[in-house]
Amino acid sequence: MGMFNKGGGRDDAAFEMRRDGPLIKLGAIVIGVILVLALLGVFLLRVTRIEAGHVGVEINLAGKQRGASEIPVRTGGVVYSPLSTQIIEFPDVRADGEMDQRYERRASGE
């Protein structure tokens, strides 16, 4: 089958291209859906890391339970939605030790 198809039949190469058309459209739709989901995931989900020696406080920004959560977020990775929550990280410092008598006298005003 040449350029001037004298036989009147259809050209096999052109038929193959038309047959692959729906597959290409389907592939483009699937890739488009994956990209949209990835973009939504980027904007609707965030990941943060609470470092060692710190504690995170989860603050609910919407709903009836607005305000700081009663349970602190401990060390490690946290997945949250920036539209409804916020994570604030604070150092968790605790000083243990014994006070000597000189400090106790100065603190009491003697």
Protein backbone atom coordinates (compact mmCIF):
# COMPACT_ATOMS: atom_id res chain seq x y z
CA MET A 1 0.00 0.00 0.00
CA GLY A 2 1.63 3.14 -1.17
CA MET A 3 1.03 6.81 -1.02
CA PHE A 4 -1.75 6.64 -3.61
CA ASN A 5 -3.75 3.75 -2.29
CA LYS A 6 -5.19 2.45 -5.57
CA GLY A 7 -6.73 -0.55 -3.95
CA GLY A 8 -9.41 1.50 -2.19
CA GLY A 9 -8.78 -0.33 1.10
CA ARG A 10 -7.65 1.28 4.26
CA ASP A 11 -4.00 1.93 5.05
CA ASP A 12 -2.78 -0.37 7.87
CA ALA A 13 -0.44 2.24 9.42
CA ALA A 14 -3.21 4.83 9.66
CA PHE A 15 -5.55 2.23 11.13
CA GLU A 16 -2.99 1.33 13.80
CA MET A 17 -2.61 4.99 14.80
CA ARG A 18 -6.36 5.42 15.16
CA ARG A 19 -6.59 2.26 17.22
CA ASP A 20 -3.89 3.50 19.67
CA GLY A 21 -5.62 6.87 20.08
CA PRO A 22 -7.92 5.81 22.94
CA LEU A 23 -4.96 4.23 24.78
CA ILE A 24 -3.02 7.46 24.55
CA LYS A 25 -6.02 9.43 25.82
CA LEU A 26 -6.50 6.98 28.67
CA GLY A 27 -2.82 7.22 29.59
CA ALA A 28 -3.00 11.03 29.56
CA ILE A 29 -6.07 10.93 31.80
CA VAL A 30 -4.39 8.57 34.27
CA ILE A 31 -1.25 10.74 34.40
CA GLY A 32 -3.42 13.83 34.86
CA VAL A 33 -5.30 12.26 37.75
CA ILE A 34 -2.05 11.20 39.40
CA LEU A 35 -0.65 14.73 39.07
CA VAL A 36 -3.80 16.30 40.51
CA LEU A 37 -3.74 13.89 43.48
CA ALA A 38 -0.05 14.62 44.05
CA LEU A 39 -0.67 18.37 44.03
CA LEU A 40 -3.61 18.00 46.42
CA GLY A 41 -1.42 15.88 48.69
CA VAL A 42 1.26 18.56 48.69
CA PHE A 43 -1.20 21.30 49.63
CA LEU A 44 -3.44 19.31 51.99
CA LEU A 45 -0.85 17.26 53.89
CA ARG A 46 2.38 18.33 55.53
CA VAL A 47 5.07 16.38 57.31
CA THR A 48 7.22 17.85 60.06
CA ARG A 49 9.78 16.35 62.39
CA ILE A 50 9.93 17.00 66.12
CA GLU A 51 13.59 16.95 67.10
CA ALA A 52 15.00 15.17 70.14
CA GLY A 53 14.69 17.26 73.28
CA HIS A 54 11.63 19.05 71.94
CA VAL A 55 7.90 18.57 72.21
CA GLY A 56 5.28 19.59 69.69
CA VAL A 57 1.94 21.16 70.45
CA GLU A 58 -0.85 20.48 67.98
CA ILE A 59 -3.24 23.41 67.61
CA ASN A 60 -6.62 22.78 66.00
CA LEU A 61 -7.57 25.80 63.90
CA ALA A 62 -11.14 24.83 63.03
CA GLY A 63 -14.12 23.03 64.46
CA LYS A 64 -15.68 22.78 67.90
CA GLN A 65 -12.44 21.55 69.48
CA ARG A 66 -10.34 24.62 68.52
CA GLY A 67 -7.22 25.30 70.53
CA ALA A 68 -4.24 23.38 71.80
CA SER A 69 -4.47 19.61 72.04
CA GLU A 70 -4.25 18.08 75.50
CA ILE A 71 -1.82 15.40 74.33
CA PRO A 72 1.57 16.76 73.21
CA VAL A 73 3.22 15.48 70.05
CA ARG A 74 6.39 13.60 70.96
CA THR A 75 9.66 13.23 69.08
CA GLY A 76 9.44 11.95 65.52
CA GLY A 77 7.59 12.55 62.30
CA VAL A 78 4.13 14.12 62.30
CA VAL A 79 1.71 14.20 59.37
CA TYR A 80 -0.91 16.95 59.59
CA SER A 81 -3.22 19.09 57.49
CA PRO A 82 -2.14 22.76 57.40
CA LEU A 83 -5.74 23.80 56.68
CA SER A 84 -7.05 22.58 60.03
CA THR A 85 -4.03 22.13 62.34
CA GLN A 86 -0.73 23.75 63.20
CA ILE A 87 2.27 22.18 64.94
CA ILE A 88 4.48 24.36 67.16
CA GLU A 89 7.74 22.95 68.51
CA PHE A 90 9.04 23.87 71.98
CA PRO A 91 12.23 22.77 73.77
CA ASP A 92 11.57 20.27 76.52
CA VAL A 93 14.17 21.29 79.06
CA ARG A 94 14.16 19.97 82.60
CA ALA A 95 16.80 20.88 85.13
CA ASP A 96 17.30 18.42 87.95
CA GLY A 97 19.75 19.09 90.69
CA GLU A 98 20.30 19.83 94.36
CA MET A 99 20.34 23.33 95.77
CA ASP A 100 22.96 24.21 98.31
CA GLN A 101 22.24 26.16 101.50
CA ARG A 102 23.74 29.42 100.20
CA TYR A 103 21.20 29.59 97.38
CA GLU A 104 18.31 28.83 99.73
CA ARG A 105 19.35 31.71 102.04
CA ARG A 106 19.62 34.20 99.15
CA ALA A 107 16.23 33.13 97.77
CA SER A 108 14.55 33.57 101.15
CA GLY A 109 16.08 37.03 101.66
CA GLU A 110 18.47 36.27 104.55
